[in-house]
Amino acid sequence: MKNQPPESPCPAGPNHLFSGCRVESVVTVDDRGQMVLPKEVREKAGIGPGDKLALIAWEQAGRTCCITLIKTEELTGMVKAVLGPMMRDLMTD
């Protein structure tokens, strides 16, 4: 039997569609619930002042195990890519 990586407790783990994910940095949440995204991460992701981010919570066994931030325009594109073909199929039936 081949060596396989251990199963991740989070759906965003190594067996998920986004398996290229990695830890970019560790941030601290302050007493008001705020955190700072490091400059290097913001620059690499093209995040600037006023940009909107969607917070996606991944749940397993009734608890949130992972949190993902996605620029809203990226999320809109993903939704259109998935729903667009489905809507076309529904309209042609």
Protein backbone atom coordinates (compact mmCIF):
# COMPACT_ATOMS: atom_id res chain seq x y z
CA MET A 1 0.00 0.00 0.00
CA LYS A 2 1.34 3.43 -0.97
CA ASN A 3 2.08 6.07 1.63
CA GLN A 4 -0.84 8.49 1.69
CA PRO A 5 -1.09 11.78 3.55
CA PRO A 6 -3.28 11.63 6.65
CA GLU A 7 -6.91 12.66 6.23
CA SER A 8 -7.50 16.30 7.03
CA PRO A 9 -10.28 17.10 9.51
CA CYS A 10 -11.21 20.08 7.36
CA PRO A 11 -12.87 19.87 3.92
CA ALA A 12 -10.32 22.38 2.60
CA GLY A 13 -7.54 19.89 3.31
CA PRO A 14 -5.25 17.96 0.97
CA ASN A 15 -8.03 15.96 -0.71
CA HIS A 16 -10.13 19.02 -1.57
CA LEU A 17 -10.40 20.98 -4.80
CA PHE A 18 -8.18 23.70 -3.32
CA SER A 19 -5.32 21.37 -2.44
CA GLY A 20 -2.77 24.04 -3.41
CA CYS A 21 -3.56 26.00 -0.27
CA ARG A 22 -0.82 26.76 2.24
CA VAL A 23 -0.31 28.78 5.38
CA GLU A 24 0.71 32.28 4.29
CA SER A 25 0.93 33.79 7.76
CA VAL A 26 -0.46 33.61 11.27
CA VAL A 27 -2.60 36.54 12.41
CA THR A 28 -3.92 37.51 15.83
CA VAL A 29 -7.52 38.50 16.51
CA ASP A 30 -7.73 41.47 18.88
CA ASP A 31 -10.32 42.04 21.60
CA ARG A 32 -12.63 43.77 19.09
CA GLY A 33 -12.51 40.74 16.78
CA GLN A 34 -10.28 42.46 14.22
CA MET A 35 -7.15 41.18 12.53
CA VAL A 36 -4.62 42.61 10.12
CA LEU A 37 -3.83 40.92 6.82
CA PRO A 38 -0.07 41.24 6.32
CA LYS A 39 1.03 43.62 3.55
CA GLU A 40 2.74 40.82 1.61
CA VAL A 41 -0.47 38.76 1.58
CA ARG A 42 -2.58 41.77 0.52
CA GLU A 43 -0.17 42.61 -2.29
CA LYS A 44 0.05 39.01 -3.51
CA ALA A 45 -3.77 38.68 -3.48
CA GLY A 46 -4.35 42.11 -5.01
CA ILE A 47 -6.36 43.26 -1.99
CA GLY A 48 -6.58 47.01 -1.55
CA PRO A 49 -8.45 49.54 0.60
CA GLY A 50 -12.21 49.23 0.19
CA ASP A 51 -12.10 45.76 -1.38
CA LYS A 52 -14.88 43.43 -0.26
CA LEU A 53 -14.05 39.91 0.92
CA ALA A 54 -16.54 37.07 1.36
CA LEU A 55 -15.93 34.99 4.46
CA ILE A 56 -16.63 31.30 3.79
CA ALA A 57 -16.94 29.01 6.82
CA TRP A 58 -16.21 25.30 6.37
CA GLU A 59 -18.08 23.09 8.79
CA GLN A 60 -17.56 19.53 9.85
CA ALA A 61 -19.37 17.68 12.63
CA GLY A 62 -21.37 20.81 13.47
CA ARG A 63 -18.44 23.15 14.08
CA THR A 64 -16.51 25.60 11.95
CA CYS A 65 -13.10 24.13 11.24
CA CYS A 66 -11.76 26.46 8.54
CA ILE A 67 -12.38 30.01 7.37
CA THR A 68 -11.60 31.19 3.84
CA LEU A 69 -11.56 34.75 2.52
CA ILE A 70 -12.40 35.26 -1.18
CA LYS A 71 -12.54 38.56 -3.05
CA THR A 72 -16.21 39.11 -3.92
CA GLU A 73 -15.50 39.53 -7.63
CA GLU A 74 -13.75 36.13 -7.62
CA LEU A 75 -16.70 34.57 -5.81
CA THR A 76 -19.12 36.12 -8.31
CA GLY A 77 -17.11 34.61 -11.17
CA MET A 78 -17.14 31.17 -9.50
CA VAL A 79 -20.91 31.32 -8.96
CA LYS A 80 -21.52 32.38 -12.57
CA ALA A 81 -19.27 29.57 -13.84
CA VAL A 82 -21.29 26.99 -11.89
CA LEU A 83 -24.81 28.41 -12.20
CA GLY A 84 -24.54 29.69 -15.78
CA PRO A 85 -24.49 26.25 -17.44
CA MET A 86 -27.23 24.99 -15.09
CA MET A 87 -29.46 27.95 -15.95
CA ARG A 88 -28.89 27.43 -19.69
CA ASP A 89 -29.82 23.75 -19.30
CA LEU A 90 -32.99 24.64 -17.39
CA MET A 91 -34.04 27.20 -19.99
CA THR A 92 -33.56 24.79 -22.91
CA ASP A 93 -35.63 22.01 -21.29
